[in-house]
PDB file of N, CA and C in Angstrom:
ATOM      1  N   MET A   1     -13.863   4.546 -30.251  1.00  0.00           N
ATOM      2  CA  MET A   1     -14.529   2.877 -29.915  1.00  0.00           C
ATOM      3  C   MET A   1     -13.583   2.551 -28.542  1.00  0.00           C
ATOM      4  N   ASN A   2     -13.921   1.906 -27.496  1.00  0.00           N
ATOM      5  CA  ASN A   2     -12.812   1.286 -26.771  1.00  0.00           C
ATOM      6  C   ASN A   2     -12.707   0.116 -27.104  1.00  0.00           C
ATOM      7  N   LEU A   3     -11.762  -1.006 -27.260  1.00  0.00           N
ATOM      8  CA  LEU A   3     -12.114  -2.841 -27.153  1.00  0.00           C
ATOM      9  C   LEU A   3     -12.894  -3.074 -26.277  1.00  0.00           C
ATOM     10  N   LEU A   4     -13.090  -2.882 -25.430  1.00  0.00           N
ATOM     11  CA  LEU A   4     -14.609  -3.725 -24.918  1.00  0.00           C
ATOM     12  C   LEU A   4     -15.456  -3.613 -25.291  1.00  0.00           C
ATOM     13  N   THR A   5     -16.061  -2.080 -25.830  1.00  0.00           N
ATOM     14  CA  THR A   5     -16.939  -2.214 -26.521  1.00  0.00           C
ATOM     15  C   THR A   5     -17.478  -2.961 -27.859  1.00  0.00           C
ATOM     16  N   LEU A   6     -15.961  -2.807 -28.531  1.00  0.00           N
ATOM     17  CA  LEU A   6     -16.024  -3.602 -29.768  1.00  0.00           C
ATOM     18  C   LEU A   6     -16.272  -5.213 -30.092  1.00  0.00           C
ATOM     19  N   LEU A   7     -15.550  -5.863 -28.829  1.00  0.00           N
ATOM     20  CA  LEU A   7     -15.692  -6.921 -28.227  1.00  0.00           C
ATOM     21  C   LEU A   7     -17.266  -7.423 -28.082  1.00  0.00           C
ATOM     22  N   LEU A   8     -17.625  -6.585 -27.137  1.00  0.00           N
ATOM     23  CA  LEU A   8     -19.358  -7.024 -26.786  1.00  0.00           C
ATOM     24  C   LEU A   8     -19.995  -6.579 -28.243  1.00  0.00           C
ATOM     25  N   GLN A   9     -20.120  -5.778 -28.789  1.00  0.00           N
ATOM     26  CA  GLN A   9     -20.907  -4.835 -30.191  1.00  0.00           C
ATOM     27  C   GLN A   9     -20.795  -6.519 -30.560  1.00  0.00           C
ATOM     28  N   THR A  10     -19.096  -7.068 -31.170  1.00  0.00           N
ATOM     29  CA  THR A  10     -18.945  -7.951 -32.279  1.00  0.00           C
ATOM     30  C   THR A  10     -19.774  -9.277 -31.657  1.00  0.00           C
ATOM     31  N   GLN A  11     -19.644  -9.397 -30.190  1.00  0.00           N
ATOM     32  CA  GLN A  11     -20.199 -11.208 -29.727  1.00  0.00           C
ATOM     33  C   GLN A  11     -22.074 -10.350 -29.428  1.00  0.00           C
ATOM     34  N   ALA A  12     -22.498  -9.824 -30.019  1.00  0.00           N
ATOM     35  CA  ALA A  12     -23.747  -9.253 -29.887  1.00  0.00           C
ATOM     36  C   ALA A  12     -24.242  -9.523 -31.205  1.00  0.00           C
ATOM     37  N   THR A  13     -23.691  -8.957 -32.205  1.00  0.00           N
ATOM     38  CA  THR A  13     -24.340  -9.164 -33.624  1.00  0.00           C
ATOM     39  C   THR A  13     -24.038 -10.551 -34.186  1.00  0.00           C
ATOM     40  N   ALA A  14     -22.495 -11.512 -33.601  1.00  0.00           N
ATOM     41  CA  ALA A  14     -22.898 -12.897 -33.676  1.00  0.00           C
ATOM     42  C   ALA A  14     -23.885 -13.657 -33.327  1.00  0.00           C
ATOM     43  N   GLY A  15     -24.236 -13.055 -32.066  1.00  0.00           N
ATOM     44  CA  GLY A  15     -25.396 -14.029 -31.200  1.00  0.00           C
ATOM     45  C   GLY A  15     -26.620 -13.628 -31.632  1.00  0.00           C
ATOM     46  N   ALA A  16     -26.489 -12.684 -32.650  1.00  0.00           N
ATOM     47  CA  ALA A  16     -28.064 -12.148 -32.933  1.00  0.00           C
ATOM     48  C   ALA A  16     -28.135 -13.021 -34.311  1.00  0.00           C
ATOM     49  N   GLU A  17     -27.295 -13.633 -35.248  1.00  0.00           N
ATOM     50  CA  GLU A  17     -27.485 -13.819 -36.824  1.00  0.00           C
ATOM     51  C   GLU A  17     -27.265 -15.098 -36.376  1.00  0.00           C
ATOM     52  N   GLY A  18     -27.073 -15.796 -35.111  1.00  0.00           N
ATOM     53  CA  GLY A  18     -27.584 -17.106 -34.256  1.00  0.00           C
ATOM     54  C   GLY A  18     -26.012 -18.101 -35.115  1.00  0.00           C
ATOM     55  N   VAL A  19     -24.982 -17.132 -35.119  1.00  0.00           N
ATOM     56  CA  VAL A  19     -23.626 -17.787 -35.616  1.00  0.00           C
ATOM     57  C   VAL A  19     -22.206 -18.139 -34.236  1.00  0.00           C
ATOM     58  N   GLN A  20     -22.398 -19.295 -33.803  1.00  0.00           N
ATOM     59  CA  GLN A  20     -21.213 -19.004 -32.840  1.00  0.00           C
ATOM     60  C   GLN A  20     -20.213 -18.694 -32.955  1.00  0.00           C
ATOM     61  N   GLN A  21     -19.491 -18.102 -32.297  1.00  0.00           N
ATOM     62  CA  GLN A  21     -17.615 -17.895 -32.766  1.00  0.00           C
ATOM     63  C   GLN A  21     -17.566 -19.279 -31.705  1.00  0.00           C
ATOM     64  N   PRO A  22     -16.200 -20.002 -32.340  1.00  0.00           N
ATOM     65  CA  PRO A  22     -15.320 -20.613 -31.677  1.00  0.00           C
ATOM     66  C   PRO A  22     -14.428 -20.181 -31.335  1.00  0.00           C
ATOM     67  N   GLY A  23     -14.169 -20.117 -29.954  1.00  0.00           N
ATOM     68  CA  GLY A  23     -13.452 -20.062 -28.617  1.00  0.00           C
ATOM     69  C   GLY A  23     -13.031 -18.570 -28.632  1.00  0.00           C
ATOM     70  N   GLY A  24     -15.110 -18.474 -28.570  1.00  0.00           N
ATOM     71  CA  GLY A  24     -15.297 -17.277 -27.907  1.00  0.00           C
ATOM     72  C   GLY A  24     -14.793 -17.034 -26.564  1.00  0.00           C
ATOM     73  N   GLY A  25     -14.300 -18.354 -25.248  1.00  0.00           N
ATOM     74  CA  GLY A  25     -14.431 -17.863 -24.421  1.00  0.00           C
ATOM     75  C   GLY A  25     -12.922 -17.297 -23.795  1.00  0.00           C
ATOM     76  N   TRP A  26     -12.287 -17.329 -24.694  1.00  0.00           N
ATOM     77  CA  TRP A  26     -10.496 -16.973 -24.665  1.00  0.00           C
ATOM     78  C   TRP A  26     -10.459 -15.449 -24.446  1.00  0.00           C
ATOM     79  N   GLN A  27     -11.851 -14.660 -25.029  1.00  0.00           N
ATOM     80  CA  GLN A  27     -11.899 -13.246 -24.790  1.00  0.00           C
ATOM     81  C   GLN A  27     -12.398 -13.009 -22.725  1.00  0.00           C
ATOM     82  N   MET A  28     -12.747 -13.705 -23.032  1.00  0.00           N
ATOM     83  CA  MET A  28     -13.615 -13.514 -21.706  1.00  0.00           C
ATOM     84  C   MET A  28     -12.207 -13.605 -20.344  1.00  0.00           C
ATOM     85  N   TRP A  29     -11.741 -15.037 -20.825  1.00  0.00           N
ATOM     86  CA  TRP A  29     -10.148 -15.297 -20.048  1.00  0.00           C
ATOM     87  C   TRP A  29      -9.130 -13.865 -20.510  1.00  0.00           C
ATOM     88  N   LEU A  30      -9.555 -13.544 -21.441  1.00  0.00           N
ATOM     89  CA  LEU A  30      -8.419 -12.357 -21.728  1.00  0.00           C
ATOM     90  C   LEU A  30      -8.290 -11.214 -20.605  1.00  0.00           C
ATOM     91  N   MET A  31     -10.228 -10.923 -20.553  1.00  0.00           N
ATOM     92  CA  MET A  31     -10.861  -9.834 -19.509  1.00  0.00           C
ATOM     93  C   MET A  31     -10.083  -9.364 -18.597  1.00  0.00           C
ATOM     94  N   LEU A  32     -10.201 -11.019 -18.091  1.00  0.00           N
ATOM     95  CA  LEU A  32     -10.021 -11.224 -16.469  1.00  0.00           C
ATOM     96  C   LEU A  32      -8.830 -10.987 -16.241  1.00  0.00           C
ATOM     97  N   ILE A  33      -7.539 -11.504 -17.169  1.00  0.00           N
ATOM     98  CA  ILE A  33      -6.227 -11.320 -16.683  1.00  0.00           C
ATOM     99  C   ILE A  33      -5.713 -10.079 -17.301  1.00  0.00           C
ATOM    100  N   LEU A  34      -6.590  -9.427 -17.280  1.00  0.00           N
ATOM    101  CA  LEU A  34      -6.085  -7.501 -18.033  1.00  0.00           C
ATOM    102  C   LEU A  34      -6.167  -7.450 -16.640  1.00  0.00           C
ATOM    103  N   ILE A  35      -7.784  -7.411 -16.345  1.00  0.00           N
ATOM    104  CA  ILE A  35      -7.749  -6.686 -14.882  1.00  0.00           C
ATOM    105  C   ILE A  35      -6.721  -7.209 -13.627  1.00  0.00           C
ATOM    106  N   PHE A  36      -6.971  -8.348 -13.404  1.00  0.00           N
ATOM    107  CA  PHE A  36      -6.072  -8.669 -12.435  1.00  0.00           C
ATOM    108  C   PHE A  36      -4.255  -8.101 -12.597  1.00  0.00           C
ATOM    109  N   VAL A  37      -4.204  -7.847 -13.592  1.00  0.00           N
ATOM    110  CA  VAL A  37      -2.415  -7.475 -14.421  1.00  0.00           C
ATOM    111  C   VAL A  37      -2.716  -5.794 -13.814  1.00  0.00           C
ATOM    112  N   VAL A  38      -3.869  -5.712 -14.402  1.00  0.00           N
ATOM    113  CA  VAL A  38      -4.020  -3.485 -13.885  1.00  0.00           C
ATOM    114  C   VAL A  38      -4.079  -4.235 -11.990  1.00  0.00           C
ATOM    115  N   MET A  39      -4.647  -4.780 -11.823  1.00  0.00           N
ATOM    116  CA  MET A  39      -4.615  -4.525 -10.205  1.00  0.00           C
ATOM    117  C   MET A  39      -3.732  -4.904  -9.703  1.00  0.00           C
ATOM    118  N   TRP A  40      -2.957  -4.983 -10.088  1.00  0.00           N
ATOM    119  CA  TRP A  40      -1.518  -5.432  -9.478  1.00  0.00           C
ATOM    120  C   TRP A  40      -0.793  -4.754  -9.800  1.00  0.00           C
ATOM    121  N   LEU A  41      -0.134  -3.886 -10.894  1.00  0.00           N
ATOM    122  CA  LEU A  41      -0.018  -2.820 -11.190  1.00  0.00           C
ATOM    123  C   LEU A  41      -0.157  -1.635 -10.649  1.00  0.00           C
ATOM    124  N   PHE A  42      -1.674  -1.418  -9.972  1.00  0.00           N
ATOM    125  CA  PHE A  42      -1.205  -0.136  -9.505  1.00  0.00           C
ATOM    126  C   PHE A  42      -2.114  -0.181  -8.055  1.00  0.00           C
ATOM    127  N   MET A  43      -2.091  -1.392  -7.163  1.00  0.00           N
ATOM    128  CA  MET A  43      -2.927  -1.624  -5.864  1.00  0.00           C
ATOM    129  C   MET A  43      -2.077  -2.470  -5.625  1.00  0.00           C
ATOM    130  N   ILE A  44      -1.282  -3.209  -5.566  1.00  0.00           N
ATOM    131  CA  ILE A  44      -0.954  -4.484  -5.190  1.00  0.00           C
ATOM    132  C   ILE A  44       0.955  -4.330  -4.913  1.00  0.00           C
ATOM    133  N   ARG A  45       1.312  -3.293  -6.436  1.00  0.00           N
ATOM    134  CA  ARG A  45       2.938  -3.627  -5.707  1.00  0.00           C
ATOM    135  C   ARG A  45       3.319  -2.573  -5.328  1.00  0.00           C
ATOM    136  N   PRO A  46       2.027  -1.076  -5.487  1.00  0.00           N
ATOM    137  CA  PRO A  46       2.276   0.138  -4.716  1.00  0.00           C
ATOM    138  C   PRO A  46       2.056  -0.001  -3.088  1.00  0.00           C
ATOM    139  N   GLN A  47       1.520  -0.803  -2.587  1.00  0.00           N
ATOM    140  CA  GLN A  47       1.362  -0.869  -1.197  1.00  0.00           C
ATOM    141  C   GLN A  47       2.181  -1.777  -0.899  1.00  0.00           C
ATOM    142  N   ARG A  48       2.864  -2.801  -1.994  1.00  0.00           N
ATOM    143  CA  ARG A  48       3.844  -3.779  -1.056  1.00  0.00           C
ATOM    144  C   ARG A  48       5.065  -2.765  -0.748  1.00  0.00           C
ATOM    145  N   LYS A  49       4.956  -1.951  -2.240  1.00  0.00           N
ATOM    146  CA  LYS A  49       6.737  -1.411  -1.709  1.00  0.00           C
ATOM    147  C   LYS A  49       6.740  -0.058  -0.193  1.00  0.00           C
ATOM    148  N   GLN A  50       5.442   0.574  -0.382  1.00  0.00           N
ATOM    149  CA  GLN A  50       5.466   1.390   0.867  1.00  0.00           C
ATOM    150  C   GLN A  50       5.601   0.423   1.954  1.00  0.00           C
ATOM    151  N   GLN A  51       4.933  -1.175   2.101  1.00  0.00           N
ATOM    152  CA  GLN A  51       5.290  -1.724   2.951  1.00  0.00           C
ATOM    153  C   GLN A  51       6.387  -2.080   3.543  1.00  0.00           C
ATOM    154  N   LYS A  52       7.312  -2.490   2.373  1.00  0.00           N
ATOM    155  CA  LYS A  52       8.782  -2.689   2.596  1.00  0.00           C
ATOM    156  C   LYS A  52       9.490  -1.424   3.447  1.00  0.00           C
ATOM    157  N   GLU A  53       9.509  -0.471   2.419  1.00  0.00           N
ATOM    158  CA  GLU A  53       9.389   1.279   3.654  1.00  0.00           C
ATOM    159  C   GLU A  53       9.630   1.739   4.823  1.00  0.00           C
ATOM    160  N   LEU A  54       8.300   1.268   4.690  1.00  0.00           N
ATOM    161  CA  LEU A  54       8.140   1.532   6.499  1.00  0.00           C
ATOM    162  C   LEU A  54       8.046   0.534   7.203  1.00  0.00           C
ATOM    163  N   GLN A  55       8.827  -0.721   6.739  1.00  0.00           N
ATOM    164  CA  GLN A  55       9.368  -1.152   7.807  1.00  0.00           C
ATOM    165  C   GLN A  55      11.083  -1.485   8.001  1.00  0.00           C
ATOM    166  N   LYS A  56      11.743  -0.771   6.609  1.00  0.00           N
ATOM    167  CA  LYS A  56      13.366  -0.280   6.521  1.00  0.00           C
ATOM    168  C   LYS A  56      13.236   0.904   7.504  1.00  0.00           C
ATOM    169  N   PHE A  57      12.203   1.440   7.607  1.00  0.00           N
ATOM    170  CA  PHE A  57      12.115   2.607   8.540  1.00  0.00           C
ATOM    171  C   PHE A  57      11.885   2.641  10.337  1.00  0.00           C
ATOM    172  N   ARG A  58      11.239   1.330  10.255  1.00  0.00           N
ATOM    173  CA  ARG A  58      10.546   1.118  11.874  1.00  0.00           C
ATOM    174  C   ARG A  58      12.257   0.179  11.974  1.00  0.00           C
ATOM    175  N   GLU A  59      13.392  -0.238  11.373  1.00  0.00           N
ATOM    176  CA  GLU A  59      13.808  -1.076  11.639  1.00  0.00           C
ATOM    177  C   GLU A  59      15.538  -0.381  11.537  1.00  0.00           C
ATOM    178  N   GLY A  60      15.386   0.953  11.058  1.00  0.00           N
ATOM    179  CA  GLY A  60      16.674   1.728  11.441  1.00  0.00           C
ATOM    180  C   GLY A  60      16.342   3.215  12.711  1.00  0.00           C
ATOM    181  N   LEU A  61      15.636   3.002  13.223  1.00  0.00           N
ATOM    182  CA  LEU A  61      15.112   3.855  14.179  1.00  0.00           C
ATOM    183  C   LEU A  61      16.129   3.539  15.179  1.00  0.00           C
ATOM    184  N   GLN A  62      16.947   5.024  15.442  1.00  0.00           N
ATOM    185  CA  GLN A  62      18.035   4.998  16.479  1.00  0.00           C
ATOM    186  C   GLN A  62      17.459   6.191  17.271  1.00  0.00           C
ATOM    187  N   LYS A  63      18.480   5.894  18.810  1.00  0.00           N
ATOM    188  CA  LYS A  63      17.810   7.145  19.658  1.00  0.00           C
ATOM    189  C   LYS A  63      17.927   8.305  19.385  1.00  0.00           C
ATOM    190  N   GLY A  64      16.936   9.251  19.506  1.00  0.00           N
ATOM    191  CA  GLY A  64      17.299  11.227  19.726  1.00  0.00           C
ATOM    192  C   GLY A  64      16.559  11.005  18.414  1.00  0.00           C
ATOM    193  N   ASP A  65      15.871   9.858  17.634  1.00  0.00           N
ATOM    194  CA  ASP A  65      15.165  10.609  16.262  1.00  0.00           C
ATOM    195  C   ASP A  65      13.816  11.494  16.750  1.00  0.00           C
ATOM    196  N   LYS A  66      13.263  11.937  15.767  1.00  0.00           N
ATOM    197  CA  LYS A  66      11.797  12.491  16.543  1.00  0.00           C
ATOM    198  C   LYS A  66      10.787  11.579  15.268  1.00  0.00           C
ATOM    199  N   ILE A  67       9.911  11.380  16.068  1.00  0.00           N
ATOM    200  CA  ILE A  67       8.962  10.217  15.567  1.00  0.00           C
ATOM    201  C   ILE A  67       7.478  10.455  15.568  1.00  0.00           C
ATOM    202  N   VAL A  68       6.131  10.040  15.031  1.00  0.00           N
ATOM    203  CA  VAL A  68       5.095  10.469  15.514  1.00  0.00           C
ATOM    204  C   VAL A  68       4.566   9.140  15.309  1.00  0.00           C
ATOM    205  N   THR A  69       3.587   8.546  16.401  1.00  0.00           N
ATOM    206  CA  THR A  69       2.827   7.681  16.654  1.00  0.00           C
ATOM    207  C   THR A  69       1.704   7.191  15.628  1.00  0.00           C
ATOM    208  N   ILE A  70       0.895   6.168  15.574  1.00  0.00           N
ATOM    209  CA  ILE A  70      -0.479   6.156  14.399  1.00  0.00           C
ATOM    210  C   ILE A  70      -2.231   6.859  15.730  1.00  0.00           C
ATOM    211  N   GLY A  71      -1.117   7.144  16.735  1.00  0.00           N
ATOM    212  CA  GLY A  71      -2.337   7.602  17.372  1.00  0.00           C
ATOM    213  C   GLY A  71      -1.985   9.079  17.542  1.00  0.00           C
ATOM    214  N   GLY A  72      -0.942   9.677  16.921  1.00  0.00           N
ATOM    215  CA  GLY A  72      -0.671  10.956  16.587  1.00  0.00           C
ATOM    216  C   GLY A  72       0.056  11.548  17.918  1.00  0.00           C
ATOM    217  N   ILE A  73       0.993  10.426  18.589  1.00  0.00           N
ATOM    218  CA  ILE A  73       1.570  11.131  19.861  1.00  0.00           C
ATOM    219  C   ILE A  73       3.525  11.481  18.806  1.00  0.00           C
ATOM    220  N   TYR A  74       3.758  13.227  19.514  1.00  0.00           N
ATOM    221  CA  TYR A  74       4.599  12.653  18.862  1.00  0.00           C
ATOM    222  C   TYR A  74       5.843  12.910  20.137  1.00  0.00           C
ATOM    223  N   GLY A  75       7.110  12.525  19.839  1.00  0.00           N
ATOM    224  CA  GLY A  75       7.874  12.139  20.962  1.00  0.00           C
ATOM    225  C   GLY A  75       9.471  11.702  20.578  1.00  0.00           C
ATOM    226  N   THR A  76      10.607  12.201  21.347  1.00  0.00           N
ATOM    227  CA  THR A  76      11.844  11.225  20.888  1.00  0.00           C
ATOM    228  C   THR A  76      12.083  10.042  21.184  1.00  0.00           C
ATOM    229  N   VAL A  77      12.755   9.262  20.124  1.00  0.00           N
ATOM    230  CA  VAL A  77      13.260   8.156  20.195  1.00  0.00           C
ATOM    231  C   VAL A  77      14.154   8.050  22.088  1.00  0.00           C
ATOM    232  N   VAL A  78      13.981   7.363  23.410  1.00  0.00           N
ATOM    233  CA  VAL A  78      14.627   7.636  24.360  1.00  0.00           C
ATOM    234  C   VAL A  78      16.009   6.339  24.103  1.00  0.00           C
ATOM    235  N   GLU A  79      14.819   5.230  23.806  1.00  0.00           N
ATOM    236  CA  GLU A  79      15.527   3.792  24.068  1.00  0.00           C
ATOM    237  C   GLU A  79      15.371   2.961  23.096  1.00  0.00           C
ATOM    238  N   VAL A  80      15.821   1.978  22.040  1.00  0.00           N
ATOM    239  CA  VAL A  80      15.530   0.974  20.761  1.00  0.00           C
ATOM    240  C   VAL A  80      15.486  -0.472  21.757  1.00  0.00           C
ATOM    241  N   SER A  81      14.230  -0.965  21.635  1.00  0.00           N
ATOM    242  CA  SER A  81      14.505  -2.454  22.056  1.00  0.00           C
ATOM    243  C   SER A  81      14.446  -3.098  20.663  1.00  0.00           C
ATOM    244  N   GLU A  82      14.229  -4.433  20.389  1.00  0.00           N
ATOM    245  CA  GLU A  82      13.886  -5.945  19.777  1.00  0.00           C
ATOM    246  C   GLU A  82      12.424  -5.142  19.323  1.00  0.00           C
ATOM    247  N   LYS A  83      11.243  -5.024  19.908  1.00  0.00           N
ATOM    248  CA  LYS A  83       9.907  -4.534  19.195  1.00  0.00           C
ATOM    249  C   LYS A  83       8.838  -3.538  19.836  1.00  0.00           C
ATOM    250  N   THR A  84      10.459  -2.865  21.129  1.00  0.00           N
ATOM    251  CA  THR A  84       9.213  -1.795  21.421  1.00  0.00           C
ATOM    252  C   THR A  84      10.945  -0.742  21.459  1.00  0.00           C
ATOM    253  N   LEU A  85       9.245   0.507  21.526  1.00  0.00           N
ATOM    254  CA  LEU A  85      10.584   1.626  22.023  1.00  0.00           C
ATOM    255  C   LEU A  85      10.127   2.750  23.029  1.00  0.00           C
ATOM    256  N   LEU A  86      11.087   3.227  23.757  1.00  0.00           N
ATOM    257  CA  LEU A  86      11.146   4.197  24.664  1.00  0.00           C
ATOM    258  C   LEU A  86      10.874   5.396  23.978  1.00  0.00           C
ATOM    259  N   ILE A  87      10.028   6.152  24.301  1.00  0.00           N
ATOM    260  CA  ILE A  87       9.573   7.611  23.977  1.00  0.00           C
ATOM    261  C   ILE A  87       9.345   8.819  24.900  1.00  0.00           C
ATOM    262  N   GLU A  88      10.470   9.811  24.937  1.00  0.00           N
ATOM    263  CA  GLU A  88       9.958  10.408  25.053  1.00  0.00           C
ATOM    264  C   GLU A  88       9.123  11.874  25.197  1.00  0.00           C
ATOM    265  N   VAL A  89       7.817  11.931  25.505  1.00  0.00           N
ATOM    266  CA  VAL A  89       6.867  12.715  24.968  1.00  0.00           C
ATOM    267  C   VAL A  89       7.592  14.644  25.473  1.00  0.00           C
ATOM    268  N   ASP A  90       7.311  14.724  26.713  1.00  0.00           N
ATOM    269  CA  ASP A  90       7.270  16.283  27.463  1.00  0.00           C
ATOM    270  C   ASP A  90       9.056  15.649  28.481  1.00  0.00           C
ATOM    271  N   ASN A  91       9.366  16.689  29.134  1.00  0.00           N
ATOM    272  CA  ASN A  91      10.405  16.777  29.861  1.00  0.00           C
ATOM    273  C   ASN A  91       9.908  15.497  30.905  1.00  0.00           C
ATOM    274  N   GLY A  92      10.768  14.573  30.617  1.00  0.00           N
ATOM    275  CA  GLY A  92      10.302  13.647  32.337  1.00  0.00           C
ATOM    276  C   GLY A  92       9.149  12.586  31.383  1.00  0.00           C
ATOM    277  N   VAL A  93       8.606  13.006  30.644  1.00  0.00           N
ATOM    278  CA  VAL A  93       7.336  12.088  30.444  1.00  0.00           C
ATOM    279  C   VAL A  93       7.373  11.045  29.028  1.00  0.00           C
ATOM    280  N   LYS A  94       7.446   9.800  29.383  1.00  0.00           N
ATOM    281  CA  LYS A  94       8.368   8.866  28.847  1.00  0.00           C
ATOM    282  C   LYS A  94       7.524   7.536  28.508  1.00  0.00           C
ATOM    283  N   LEU A  95       6.799   7.234  27.280  1.00  0.00           N
ATOM    284  CA  LEU A  95       6.033   5.957  27.244  1.00  0.00           C
ATOM    285  C   LEU A  95       6.813   5.360  26.266  1.00  0.00           C
ATOM    286  N   LYS A  96       6.332   4.152  26.611  1.00  0.00           N
ATOM    287  CA  LYS A  96       6.493   2.885  26.157  1.00  0.00           C
ATOM    288  C   LYS A  96       5.626   2.542  24.859  1.00  0.00           C
ATOM    289  N   VAL A  97       6.144   2.396  24.046  1.00  0.00           N
ATOM    290  CA  VAL A  97       5.107   2.092  22.148  1.00  0.00           C
ATOM    291  C   VAL A  97       5.866   0.506  21.630  1.00  0.00           C
ATOM    292  N   ASP A  98       5.104   0.115  20.963  1.00  0.00           N
ATOM    293  CA  ASP A  98       5.652  -0.604  19.852  1.00  0.00           C
ATOM    294  C   ASP A  98       5.896  -0.083  18.723  1.00  0.00           C
ATOM    295  N   LYS A  99       7.164  -0.744  18.268  1.00  0.00           N
ATOM    296  CA  LYS A  99       7.801  -0.027  16.605  1.00  0.00           C
ATOM    297  C   LYS A  99       6.254  -0.338  15.704  1.00  0.00           C
ATOM    298  N   ASN A 100       5.481  -0.576  15.920  1.00  0.00           N
ATOM    299  CA  ASN A 100       4.578  -0.826  14.485  1.00  0.00           C
ATOM    300  C   ASN A 100       3.516  -0.043  14.873  1.00  0.00           C
ATOM    301  N   SER A 101       3.961   0.933  15.767  1.00  0.00           N
ATOM    302  CA  SER A 101       3.065   2.295  16.130  1.00  0.00           C
ATOM    303  C   SER A 101       3.596   3.315  15.685  1.00  0.00           C
ATOM    304  N   VAL A 102       4.908   3.247  14.735  1.00  0.00           N
ATOM    305  CA  VAL A 102       5.232   4.567  14.317  1.00  0.00           C
ATOM    306  C   VAL A 102       5.242   4.917  13.441  1.00  0.00           C
ATOM    307  N   VAL A 103       4.975   5.366  12.317  1.00  0.00           N
ATOM    308  CA  VAL A 103       4.663   5.819  11.372  1.00  0.00           C
ATOM    309  C   VAL A 103       5.225   6.878  10.552  1.00  0.00           C
ATOM    310  N   LYS A 104       6.658   7.954  11.233  1.00  0.00           N
ATOM    311  CA  LYS A 104       6.768   8.757  10.487  1.00  0.00           C
ATOM    312  C   LYS A 104       7.725   9.524  11.366  1.00  0.00           C
ATOM    313  N   ASP A 105       8.604   9.608  10.379  1.00  0.00           N
ATOM    314  CA  ASP A 105       9.972  10.499  11.479  1.00  0.00           C
ATOM    315  C   ASP A 105       9.590  12.392  10.885  1.00  0.00           C
ATOM    316  N   PHE A 106       9.948  12.898  11.834  1.00  0.00           N
ATOM    317  CA  PHE A 106       9.634  14.485  11.288  1.00  0.00           C
ATOM    318  C   PHE A 106      11.084  14.800  11.722  1.00  0.00           C
ATOM    319  N   SER A 107      12.330  14.725  12.478  1.00  0.00           N
ATOM    320  CA  SER A 107      13.362  14.802  12.428  1.00  0.00           C
ATOM    321  C   SER A 107      13.859  16.163  11.440  1.00  0.00           C
ATOM    322  N   SER A 108      13.536  15.176  10.535  1.00  0.00           N
ATOM    323  CA  SER A 108      14.437  16.220   9.242  1.00  0.00           C
ATOM    324  C   SER A 108      13.229  17.280   8.591  1.00  0.00           C
ATOM    325  N   ALA A 109      12.163  16.363   8.535  1.00  0.00           N
ATOM    326  CA  ALA A 109      11.470  17.991   8.298  1.00  0.00           C
ATOM    327  C   ALA A 109      11.274  19.183   8.874  1.00  0.00           C
ATOM    328  N   GLY A 110      11.539  19.220   9.886  1.00  0.00           N
ATOM    329  CA  GLY A 110      11.223  20.280  10.992  1.00  0.00           C
ATOM    330  C   GLY A 110      10.269  20.065  11.678  1.00  0.00           C
ATOM    331  N   GLN A 111       9.659  20.383  12.868  1.00  0.00           N
ATOM    332  CA  GLN A 111       8.321  20.548  13.407  1.00  0.00           C
ATOM    333  C   GLN A 111       7.213  21.192  13.158  1.00  0.00           C
ATOM    334  N   GLN A 112       6.270  20.869  13.061  1.00  0.00           N
ATOM    335  CA  GLN A 112       5.183  22.147  12.267  1.00  0.00           C
ATOM    336  C   GLN A 112       4.485  22.342  13.799  1.00  0.00           C
TER     337      GLN A 112
END
């Protein structure tokens, strides 16, 4: 049996007998805190770590890096400014994109 089933059964039997358990409200708070801790460990913390890595990647972009944008445009960085990038997608075809639209570097992974 798991802990939740055990807690529910003890409360049900105590309620059926008409006996009030003193301090029964603390169990509810304990479960809520436990749920929040689990959510933080498995959802919020990894997402923050991933966002920090992506921000670090975007700040480290240099001329010559091969990138992919959110829209799926593959290109090579030609010019880097504070908030934008000028990328070359084909011979002589250049696009100006926001740094936040860059999601992946494919220069070292090899072109697919």
